[in-house]
Protein backbone atom coordinates (compact mmCIF):
# COMPACT_ATOMS: atom_id res chain seq x y z
CA MET A 1 0.01 0.08 0.18
CA ASP A 2 3.10 2.27 0.48
CA ASN A 3 3.64 1.77 -3.37
CA ASP A 4 7.27 1.06 -2.72
CA LEU A 5 8.71 -0.43 -5.76
CA GLU A 6 11.61 -1.89 -4.56
CA ALA A 7 9.51 -3.81 -1.83
CA LEU A 8 7.08 -4.85 -4.54
CA ASP A 9 10.07 -6.19 -6.58
CA ALA A 10 11.21 -8.39 -3.52
CA LEU A 11 7.54 -9.56 -3.15
CA PHE A 12 7.37 -11.06 -6.68
CA ALA A 13 9.00 -14.42 -7.20
CA PRO A 14 12.32 -14.21 -9.18
CA GLY A 15 12.87 -16.10 -12.51
CA ASP A 16 11.17 -16.30 -15.69
CA ASP A 17 7.82 -18.08 -14.74
CA THR A 18 6.40 -15.27 -12.75
CA LEU A 19 3.05 -13.94 -14.12
CA ARG A 20 1.23 -10.75 -14.16
CA GLY A 21 -1.92 -10.00 -15.85
CA ASP A 22 -4.34 -7.45 -16.64
CA ALA A 23 -6.76 -6.43 -19.02
CA ASN A 24 -4.11 -5.54 -21.57
CA GLY A 25 -2.55 -8.92 -21.43
CA ILE A 26 0.25 -11.16 -19.57
CA LEU A 27 3.61 -10.07 -18.40
CA ILE A 28 6.03 -13.23 -18.17
CA GLY A 29 9.20 -13.06 -15.98
CA HIS A 30 10.24 -11.26 -12.92
CA ASP A 31 12.21 -8.59 -14.80
CA THR A 32 9.59 -7.90 -17.26
CA ILE A 33 7.12 -7.27 -14.68
CA SER A 34 9.62 -5.13 -12.92
CA ALA A 35 10.44 -2.91 -15.79
CA PHE A 36 6.72 -2.42 -16.56
CA ARG A 37 6.00 -0.93 -12.93
CA GLN A 38 9.05 1.04 -12.94
CA GLY A 39 7.86 2.51 -16.21
CA ARG A 40 4.39 2.91 -15.02
CA GLY A 41 5.64 4.68 -11.73
CA GLY A 42 3.67 1.93 -9.41
CA ALA A 43 0.09 1.44 -8.73
CA PRO A 44 -2.74 4.14 -8.76
CA LYS A 45 -3.82 5.24 -5.26
CA ARG A 46 -6.39 2.71 -3.71
CA SER A 47 -7.78 1.48 -0.66
CA ILE A 48 -8.26 -2.43 0.40
CA LEU A 49 -11.79 -2.98 1.34
CA ASP A 50 -11.73 -6.83 1.81
CA VAL A 51 -9.17 -9.69 1.48
CA HIS A 52 -10.13 -13.40 1.03
CA VAL A 53 -7.41 -16.17 1.37
CA ARG A 54 -7.80 -19.72 0.37
CA GLU A 55 -5.10 -22.18 1.39
CA ILE A 56 -4.06 -24.35 -1.39
CA ASP A 57 -1.61 -26.39 0.75
CA ASP A 58 1.21 -25.54 3.25
CA ASP A 59 3.29 -23.76 0.59
CA ASN A 60 0.70 -22.18 -1.34
CA ALA A 61 -2.32 -19.96 -1.13
CA LEU A 62 -4.75 -17.95 -3.21
CA VAL A 63 -5.14 -14.23 -2.00
CA ILE A 64 -8.04 -11.94 -3.56
CA ALA A 65 -8.13 -8.46 -2.31
CA VAL A 66 -11.17 -5.93 -3.07
CA THR A 67 -9.90 -2.58 -3.85
CA GLN A 68 -11.18 0.77 -4.28
CA PRO A 69 -9.47 3.35 -6.44
CA ALA A 70 -9.40 6.76 -5.35
CA THR A 71 -11.18 7.62 -8.81
CA GLY A 72 -14.05 5.50 -7.75
CA GLY A 73 -15.46 2.02 -8.78
CA ARG A 74 -14.08 -1.26 -7.32
CA GLY A 75 -11.01 -3.39 -8.34
CA GLN A 76 -9.53 -6.63 -7.62
CA GLN A 77 -6.07 -8.35 -7.11
CA THR A 78 -5.55 -11.78 -7.28
CA GLN A 79 -2.41 -13.42 -6.24
CA LEU A 80 -0.86 -16.84 -5.90
CA TRP A 81 1.49 -16.83 -3.22
CA HIS A 82 4.31 -19.20 -2.64
CA ARG A 83 6.32 -20.06 0.47
CA ALA A 84 9.98 -19.85 -0.61
CA ASP A 85 13.18 -20.34 1.53
CA ARG A 86 13.43 -16.47 1.85
CA GLY A 87 9.74 -16.11 2.67
CA TRP A 88 6.41 -15.71 0.83
CA VAL A 89 6.50 -14.62 -2.71
CA VAL A 90 3.84 -14.11 -5.50
CA ARG A 91 4.29 -16.45 -8.26
CA ALA A 92 1.23 -15.18 -10.36
CA ALA A 93 -1.17 -12.09 -10.13
CA HIS A 94 -4.04 -10.41 -12.03
CA VAL A 95 -5.08 -6.92 -11.44
CA SER A 96 -8.40 -5.80 -12.37
CA VAL A 97 -9.46 -2.00 -12.29
CA PRO A 98 -12.78 -0.38 -13.22
CA ALA A 99 -13.05 0.03 -17.01
CA PRO A 100 -12.89 3.48 -18.28
CA ALA A 101 -15.55 4.82 -20.34
CA THR A 102 -13.03 5.36 -22.98
CA ASN A 103 -9.29 4.70 -23.16
CA GLY A 104 -8.10 8.12 -23.74
CA ALA A 105 -4.65 6.72 -25.06
CA ILE A 106 -6.63 5.20 -27.99
CA TRP A 107 -9.63 7.31 -28.57
CA ARG A 108 -9.87 10.94 -28.67
CA VAL A 109 -13.61 10.82 -29.01
CA VAL A 110 -15.88 7.73 -29.63
CA GLY A 111 -19.54 6.88 -30.02
CA SER A 112 -21.87 4.01 -30.27
CA PRO A 113 -21.06 4.46 -33.23
CA LEU A 114 -20.05 8.22 -33.61
CA VAL A 115 -21.26 8.34 -37.35
CA THR A 116 -23.41 5.79 -38.84
CA GLY A 117 -22.92 4.53 -42.28
CA ALA A 118 -24.96 3.47 -45.13
CA ALA A 119 -27.82 1.14 -44.62
CA SER A 120 -26.26 -1.60 -47.12
CA GLY A 121 -22.94 -1.93 -48.59
CA THR A 122 -19.80 -4.36 -48.63
CA LEU A 123 -18.54 -2.96 -45.37
CA LYS A 124 -22.08 -3.17 -43.57
CA GLY A 125 -21.52 -4.05 -39.97
CA ALA A 126 -17.79 -2.92 -40.06
CA THR A 127 -16.68 -0.30 -37.53
CA VAL A 128 -13.71 2.13 -38.25
CA ALA A 129 -11.18 4.11 -35.91
CA VAL A 130 -10.32 7.28 -37.85
CA LYS A 131 -6.83 8.78 -37.16
CA ASP A 132 -7.18 12.32 -35.77
CA LEU A 133 -5.84 13.81 -39.17
CA TYR A 134 -9.14 13.40 -41.05
CA GLU A 135 -11.98 15.60 -41.10
CA VAL A 136 -15.31 14.30 -39.71
CA LYS A 137 -18.11 16.50 -39.92
CA GLY A 138 -18.91 18.04 -36.60
CA PHE A 139 -15.73 17.35 -35.12
CA ALA A 140 -12.53 19.19 -34.89
CA VAL A 141 -9.28 17.68 -35.87
CA GLY A 142 -6.70 17.51 -33.10
CA ALA A 143 -3.47 16.14 -34.81
CA GLY A 144 -2.42 14.60 -31.48
CA VAL A 145 -1.72 17.95 -30.08
CA PRO A 146 -4.29 19.44 -27.35
CA ALA A 147 -3.28 23.09 -28.25
CA TYR A 148 -3.78 22.29 -31.66
CA LEU A 149 -7.25 20.87 -31.00
CA ALA A 150 -8.21 23.98 -28.96
CA GLU A 151 -7.77 26.29 -31.93
CA SER A 152 -9.22 23.83 -34.90
CA PRO A 153 -12.40 24.74 -36.27
CA ILE A 154 -15.37 22.07 -36.51
CA ALA A 155 -15.12 20.28 -39.59
CA SER A 156 -18.08 21.27 -42.15
CA GLY A 157 -17.66 18.28 -44.14
CA THR A 158 -16.04 14.85 -44.10
CA ALA A 159 -12.96 13.69 -45.83
CA THR A 160 -13.24 11.61 -48.97
CA ALA A 161 -11.33 8.60 -47.70
CA VAL A 162 -13.86 8.57 -44.57
CA GLN A 163 -16.84 9.20 -46.59
CA GLN A 164 -16.05 6.16 -48.92
CA LEU A 165 -16.02 3.94 -46.22
CA LEU A 166 -19.36 5.37 -44.87
CA ASP A 167 -21.08 4.97 -48.02
CA ALA A 168 -20.14 1.34 -48.26
CA GLY A 169 -21.98 0.77 -45.00
CA ALA A 170 -19.14 1.06 -42.46
CA SER A 171 -19.70 3.07 -39.29
CA VAL A 172 -17.36 5.50 -37.65
CA GLN A 173 -16.60 4.11 -34.11
CA GLY A 174 -14.64 7.19 -33.14
CA ILE A 175 -11.64 9.23 -33.83
CA ALA A 176 -8.30 7.65 -32.68
CA GLN A 177 -5.30 9.15 -31.42
CA THR A 178 -1.95 9.89 -33.25
CA ASP A 179 1.44 10.89 -32.56
CA GLU A 180 1.86 14.73 -32.64
CA PHE A 181 1.40 15.67 -36.26
CA ALA A 182 2.03 12.11 -37.35
CA TYR A 183 5.94 12.92 -36.91
CA SER A 184 6.87 9.74 -35.51
CA VAL A 185 6.71 5.75 -35.81
CA ALA A 186 6.62 4.95 -32.07
CA GLY A 187 3.14 5.47 -30.94
CA ARG A 188 3.93 7.53 -27.87
CA ASN A 189 2.07 10.82 -27.03
CA VAL A 190 3.10 12.89 -24.01
CA HIS A 191 -0.25 14.44 -23.95
CA TYR A 192 -2.66 11.51 -24.06
CA GLY A 193 -0.36 8.69 -23.25
CA THR A 194 0.65 5.55 -24.98
CA PRO A 195 -2.00 3.37 -26.62
CA PRO A 196 -1.66 -0.54 -25.51
CA ASN A 197 -0.14 -2.75 -27.93
CA GLY A 198 -2.79 -5.37 -28.49
CA ALA A 199 -0.03 -8.27 -29.20
CA VAL A 200 2.67 -7.50 -26.92
CA PRO A 201 1.67 -6.16 -23.24
CA GLY A 202 4.12 -3.64 -21.86
CA ALA A 203 5.31 -2.83 -25.60
CA ILE A 204 4.74 0.41 -27.56
CA PRO A 205 2.25 0.31 -30.36
CA GLY A 206 3.90 1.85 -33.08
CA GLY A 207 2.89 5.13 -34.77
CA SER A 208 1.94 7.42 -35.77
CA SER A 209 -1.30 5.38 -36.79
CA SER A 210 -1.24 4.39 -33.04
CA GLY A 211 -4.74 4.94 -32.08
CA PRO A 212 -6.37 3.10 -34.97
CA ALA A 213 -4.00 0.19 -34.85
CA SER A 214 -4.45 -0.21 -31.07
CA ALA A 215 -8.28 -0.07 -31.62
CA VAL A 216 -8.22 -2.76 -34.08
CA ALA A 217 -5.64 -4.95 -32.44
CA THR A 218 -7.94 -4.85 -29.34
CA GLY A 219 -10.94 -5.39 -31.02
CA GLN A 220 -12.54 -2.16 -30.48
CA ALA A 221 -12.86 -1.56 -34.18
CA THR A 222 -12.65 -3.64 -37.42
CA ILE A 223 -10.78 -1.08 -39.57
CA GLY A 224 -8.15 1.56 -38.67
CA LEU A 225 -8.07 4.24 -41.09
CA GLY A 226 -4.64 5.76 -40.94
CA THR A 227 -1.94 7.59 -42.82
CA ASP A 228 1.47 6.43 -44.06
CA THR A 229 4.23 9.06 -44.70
CA GLY A 230 7.30 7.13 -43.58
CA GLY A 231 5.96 3.99 -42.16
CA SER A 232 3.04 5.05 -39.83
CA ILE A 233 0.57 2.17 -41.09
CA ARG A 234 3.23 -0.66 -41.69
CA VAL A 235 5.34 -0.04 -38.33
CA PRO A 236 1.96 -0.41 -36.12
CA ALA A 237 0.88 -3.15 -38.08
CA SER A 238 4.35 -5.11 -37.47
CA PHE A 239 4.26 -4.47 -34.01
CA GLN A 240 0.62 -5.57 -33.32
CA GLY A 241 0.29 -8.41 -35.89
CA LEU A 242 -2.06 -6.74 -38.11
CA TRP A 243 -2.48 -6.29 -41.96
CA GLY A 244 -1.49 -2.74 -43.06
CA LEU A 245 -1.67 -1.35 -46.42
CA ARG A 246 -0.09 2.06 -47.34
CA THR A 247 -1.39 2.77 -50.74
CA THR A 248 0.14 4.02 -53.91
CA HIS A 249 0.87 7.51 -53.51
CA GLY A 250 -2.07 9.60 -55.12
CA ALA A 251 -4.13 6.39 -55.47
CA VAL A 252 -6.62 7.72 -52.99
CA SER A 253 -8.05 11.23 -52.33
CA ARG A 254 -6.30 13.26 -49.61
CA SER A 255 -9.12 15.66 -49.39
CA GLY A 256 -10.02 16.64 -45.98
CA LEU A 257 -6.74 15.32 -44.64
CA LEU A 258 -4.16 17.45 -42.44
CA PRO A 259 -0.90 17.02 -44.42
CA LEU A 260 2.48 16.29 -43.10
CA ALA A 261 4.68 15.87 -46.11
CA PRO A 262 2.40 15.73 -49.10
CA SER A 263 5.17 14.06 -51.56
CA PHE A 264 4.95 10.99 -49.31
CA ASP A 265 1.51 11.23 -47.45
CA THR A 266 -0.67 8.30 -48.39
CA VAL A 267 -4.08 6.89 -47.14
CA GLY A 268 -4.27 3.38 -45.87
CA TRP A 269 -6.02 0.72 -43.35
CA LEU A 270 -5.18 -1.70 -40.65
CA THR A 271 -7.20 -4.76 -40.27
CA ARG A 272 -7.02 -8.33 -38.42
CA ASP A 273 -7.36 -10.06 -41.34
CA ALA A 274 -6.97 -9.99 -45.38
CA ASP A 275 -10.61 -9.90 -46.07
CA ALA A 276 -11.51 -6.85 -43.99
CA LEU A 277 -8.33 -5.07 -45.64
CA SER A 278 -9.38 -6.24 -49.07
CA ARG A 279 -12.95 -4.94 -48.68
CA ALA A 280 -11.94 -1.69 -47.28
CA ALA A 281 -9.37 -1.14 -50.29
CA ALA A 282 -11.74 -2.00 -52.75
CA VAL A 283 -14.39 0.64 -51.81
CA THR A 284 -11.87 3.11 -51.63
CA LEU A 285 -9.57 2.66 -54.47
CA ASP A 286 -10.33 3.16 -58.37
CA ILE A 287 -10.51 -0.33 -59.35
CA GLU A 288 -9.86 0.48 -63.22
CA ALA A 289 -6.74 1.98 -62.13
CA GLN A 290 -5.20 -1.20 -60.36
CA GLU A 291 -2.59 -3.23 -61.99
CA ALA A 292 -1.91 -6.90 -62.02
CA VAL A 293 1.48 -8.25 -60.54
CA THR A 294 3.48 -11.55 -61.00
CA PRO A 295 4.99 -13.08 -57.86
CA ASP A 296 8.70 -11.99 -59.15
CA TYR A 297 10.21 -11.05 -55.73
CA VAL A 298 13.41 -9.60 -54.73
CA TYR A 299 15.09 -8.61 -51.25
CA SER A 300 18.01 -6.55 -50.24
CA PRO A 301 20.67 -8.15 -47.93
CA ALA A 302 21.70 -4.67 -46.84
CA LEU A 303 18.16 -3.63 -45.60
CA LEU A 304 18.31 -6.90 -43.63
CA GLU A 305 21.55 -6.23 -42.04
CA LEU A 306 19.74 -3.00 -40.40
CA CYS A 307 17.42 -5.40 -38.47
CA THR A 308 17.98 -7.24 -34.95
CA PRO A 309 19.21 -10.61 -34.95
CA SER A 310 15.96 -11.80 -33.82
CA VAL A 311 14.30 -10.27 -36.92
CA ARG A 312 16.99 -11.51 -39.28
CA ALA A 313 16.72 -15.03 -37.79
CA VAL A 314 12.84 -15.48 -38.80
CA PHE A 315 13.14 -13.49 -42.11
CA ARG A 316 12.78 -16.26 -44.80
CA VAL A 317 11.90 -15.56 -48.44
CA ASP A 318 12.23 -17.26 -51.74
CA ALA A 319 13.69 -14.13 -53.38
CA GLU A 320 16.63 -13.11 -55.64
CA PRO A 321 19.07 -10.75 -53.75
CA VAL A 322 19.16 -6.95 -55.17
CA ASP A 323 21.43 -3.85 -54.47
CA LEU A 324 19.61 -0.77 -53.92
CA GLY A 325 22.74 1.28 -53.60
CA ASP A 326 23.77 3.55 -50.91
CA LEU A 327 20.87 3.16 -48.26
CA ASP A 328 22.09 6.30 -46.33
CA GLU A 329 21.72 8.25 -49.39
CA LEU A 330 18.08 7.17 -49.96
CA PHE A 331 17.21 7.79 -46.35
CA GLU A 332 18.85 11.25 -46.29
CA ALA A 333 16.81 12.30 -49.20
CA PHE A 334 13.59 11.16 -47.71
CA ARG A 335 14.53 12.78 -44.20
CA MET A 336 15.25 16.03 -45.86
CA THR A 337 12.26 16.16 -48.27
CA GLN A 338 10.18 15.16 -45.31
CA ALA A 339 11.30 17.68 -42.95
CA VAL A 340 11.11 20.51 -45.67
CA GLU A 341 7.58 19.67 -46.18
CA ALA A 342 6.74 19.15 -42.67
CA TRP A 343 7.86 22.78 -41.76
CA GLN A 344 5.87 24.04 -44.75
CA SER A 345 2.89 22.34 -43.28
CA ASP A 346 3.23 23.09 -39.65
CA GLY A 347 6.09 25.23 -39.13
CA GLU A 348 4.05 28.42 -38.74
CA TRP A 349 1.75 27.13 -36.05
CA VAL A 350 4.83 25.36 -34.22
CA THR A 351 6.51 28.89 -34.09
CA ALA A 352 3.61 30.35 -32.66
CA HIS A 353 3.10 27.92 -29.93
CA PRO A 354 6.47 27.24 -28.17
CA GLY A 355 6.23 24.46 -25.57
CA ALA A 356 3.10 22.82 -27.23
CA LEU A 357 4.90 19.62 -28.43
CA GLY A 358 6.80 16.98 -26.68
CA ASP A 359 10.65 17.04 -26.72
CA ASP A 360 11.31 14.46 -29.63
CA ILE A 361 8.55 15.79 -32.07
CA ALA A 362 9.93 19.53 -31.17
CA ALA A 363 13.38 18.41 -31.98
CA ARG A 364 12.27 17.20 -35.35
CA PHE A 365 10.54 20.56 -36.25
CA ALA A 366 13.77 22.27 -34.88
CA PHE A 367 15.91 20.39 -37.39
CA ALA A 368 13.25 21.30 -40.13
CA ARG A 369 13.64 24.77 -39.29
CA GLY A 370 17.12 24.81 -39.82
CA ILE A 371 17.14 23.51 -43.49
CA THR A 372 18.45 26.36 -45.77
CA GLU A 373 16.87 26.88 -49.33
CA ALA A 374 19.85 25.51 -50.85
CA GLN A 375 19.55 22.30 -48.85
CA GLY A 376 16.06 22.10 -49.62
CA LEU A 377 16.62 22.38 -53.32
CA ALA A 378 19.63 19.93 -52.92
CA ALA A 379 17.04 17.35 -51.25
CA ALA A 380 14.48 17.68 -54.02
CA ALA A 381 16.91 16.81 -56.52
CA ALA A 382 18.22 13.72 -54.56
CA PHE A 383 14.72 12.81 -54.00
CA GLY A 384 14.02 12.66 -57.82
CA ALA A 385 17.23 10.73 -58.49
CA ALA A 386 16.52 8.37 -55.93
CA ARG A 387 12.99 7.53 -57.30
CA ALA A 388 14.52 7.19 -60.75
CA ARG A 389 17.26 4.88 -59.39
CA LEU A 390 15.00 2.43 -57.44
CA ASP A 391 12.59 2.50 -60.10
CA ASP A 392 15.17 1.06 -62.59
CA ILE A 393 16.51 -1.35 -60.14
CA LEU A 394 12.95 -2.71 -58.80
CA GLY A 395 11.08 -2.47 -62.15
CA GLU A 396 7.77 -4.53 -61.92
CA ARG A 397 9.16 -6.76 -59.21
CA VAL A 398 8.11 -6.95 -55.55
CA LEU A 399 10.53 -6.10 -52.86
CA LEU A 400 10.22 -8.18 -49.61
CA LEU A 401 11.76 -6.75 -46.28
CA PRO A 402 10.72 -6.68 -42.89
CA SER A 403 8.12 -4.09 -41.80
CA ALA A 404 10.26 -2.74 -39.03
CA SER A 405 13.89 -3.30 -37.93
CA ALA A 406 12.81 -4.91 -34.54
CA ALA A 407 9.97 -6.24 -32.65
CA ALA A 408 8.05 -3.57 -30.49
CA PRO A 409 10.50 -1.89 -27.94
CA SER A 410 9.24 -1.59 -24.38
CA THR A 411 7.30 1.38 -23.02
CA THR A 412 10.18 1.76 -20.76
CA ALA A 413 12.95 1.98 -23.52
CA SER A 414 14.95 5.08 -23.46
CA THR A 415 14.84 7.73 -25.69
CA GLU A 416 18.26 6.72 -27.16
CA HIS A 417 16.93 3.28 -27.86
CA LEU A 418 13.80 4.35 -29.77
CA GLU A 419 15.83 7.01 -31.73
CA ALA A 420 18.01 4.40 -32.95
CA PHE A 421 15.04 2.08 -33.73
CA ARG A 422 13.61 4.97 -35.64
CA MET A 423 16.64 5.63 -37.52
CA SER A 424 17.02 1.80 -38.83
CA THR A 425 13.34 1.51 -39.43
CA LEU A 426 13.07 4.39 -41.47
CA ARG A 427 15.80 3.24 -44.01
CA LEU A 428 13.42 0.14 -44.67
CA THR A 429 10.23 2.03 -44.88
CA CYS A 430 11.50 5.06 -46.88
CA ILE A 431 11.84 2.91 -50.19
CA ALA A 432 7.97 2.86 -50.46
CA GLY A 433 7.97 6.53 -49.81
CA LEU A 434 10.61 7.61 -52.32
CA THR A 435 9.19 5.41 -54.99
CA GLY A 436 5.46 6.42 -54.40
CA ARG A 437 4.78 2.50 -54.45
CA PRO A 438 2.15 0.77 -52.32
CA GLY A 439 3.52 -1.14 -49.19
CA LEU A 440 1.99 -3.99 -47.57
CA SER A 441 2.52 -5.34 -44.03
CA VAL A 442 1.41 -8.97 -43.49
CA PRO A 443 1.66 -10.66 -39.81
CA ALA A 444 4.06 -13.33 -41.05
CA TYR A 445 6.70 -13.47 -38.38
CA VAL A 446 6.91 -14.05 -34.58
CA THR A 447 10.07 -13.41 -32.66
CA PRO A 448 10.85 -13.89 -28.95
CA ASP A 449 10.06 -10.24 -28.63
CA GLY A 450 6.64 -10.30 -30.51
CA PRO A 451 5.54 -10.28 -33.93
CA VAL A 452 7.22 -8.52 -36.99
CA GLY A 453 5.64 -8.03 -40.28
CA LEU A 454 6.72 -9.07 -43.85
CA CYS A 455 6.47 -5.92 -46.09
CA LEU A 456 5.74 -6.28 -49.94
CA VAL A 457 6.53 -3.07 -51.93
CA GLY A 458 4.98 -3.65 -55.30
CA PRO A 459 4.62 -1.68 -58.45
CA ARG A 460 2.55 1.60 -58.33
CA TYR A 461 -1.20 0.83 -58.43
CA SER A 462 -0.82 -3.00 -57.63
CA ASP A 463 -2.44 -2.42 -54.18
CA LEU A 464 -5.01 -5.04 -54.46
CA ALA A 465 -2.79 -7.46 -56.19
CA LEU A 466 -0.37 -7.03 -53.08
CA ILE A 467 -3.01 -8.21 -50.74
CA GLU A 468 -3.66 -11.56 -52.68
CA LEU A 469 0.20 -11.87 -52.90
CA GLY A 470 0.32 -11.52 -49.08
CA ARG A 471 -2.28 -14.29 -48.70
CA GLU A 472 -0.20 -16.44 -50.69
CA LEU A 473 3.11 -15.91 -49.04
CA ILE A 474 1.71 -16.85 -45.37
CA GLY A 475 -0.44 -19.56 -46.69
């Protein structure tokens, strides 16, 4: 009850078999539980109302405590205690707390539903978590930044990509959280919190389509409508074992969508299965513009070297190796162009609102502000050269690569660790951005640290064909 973190660590049994569960899943191992507890900062303030003890045998007992959180309601702690050489320790625990009306880390606003879709259509019965960058009539766009939301006007119309889903019978369940201005792939937001990872308790969800991804992975929505500039659909899909499609650049209207870097911004979806993804894509994409693609696969050994050993160990593809050239050069062309356009999109607002952003996002905008006109022109030229070179190398073939350089890092990971992950992952994800090609993340692999997606980067306008190839590749 003193919430002493060291004392709590000592009370939990050492070793890799100790369990702690809650509504978000199970943590396994004393050290994993300890890291979670340290990152959370202990338990919320509460009182114990009642305790029930059931003796199993001389060395084991089940203890259930009924608690009352300071915020109201009733909670429950169930613990299996074991008599060890050094005294009684907890071998397994499950914590229940009163369910919030809305998880504010996932949803900015939610309804039942928020907006009802058409009475019929191929998406009838589906629910959509809309990333907080799209206009939804009657609501403001918040972009993951409370200060921006406070000044944002109520939308008088609905973004095209949202309306197309509504017209097909899907309903908007709610507006889901995003990383600030979508300028991140981590999924952490200093204002609203970190959405839960539906596949790996205690891990970050991936961003910047973090809210839609977590809503889908935890079963709160059928479809997550997101955006992907530098991996913002593919990374959370990879982290949470989802299907995620970044569409061909320009294939879906961005009307009613707050931009970050228009040369790379794309619309896309996250789903739990291929069928739901295919249906969402089919009602949004121009079917007549879609192209067939043959399963002619290539992979880049150099890209694979950017990944952790556990990712490299599971990545198995039947593909021809290909040399994409200087990866640092490609990444720099992407990073500089993205930064120039991000400042053009949001720099005026950021300048007028010092202190409104978290440190990591603020640092990215500070870097963008410092880019000179000459550097911007050089970046534009490098971007054009990179696209031409990659198109020449890839042709009509499909590039296979991991969707992220690692499985989802812990929510307690250091800023330095997350930045290193970001730099390595963006070198993977920027290929689709530089070429304007579609990128599909398929839930193909499981590492000891969690799922990792297989990404297919196909020729432009092969979006629907990629989904079918993805089905075949994972059987």
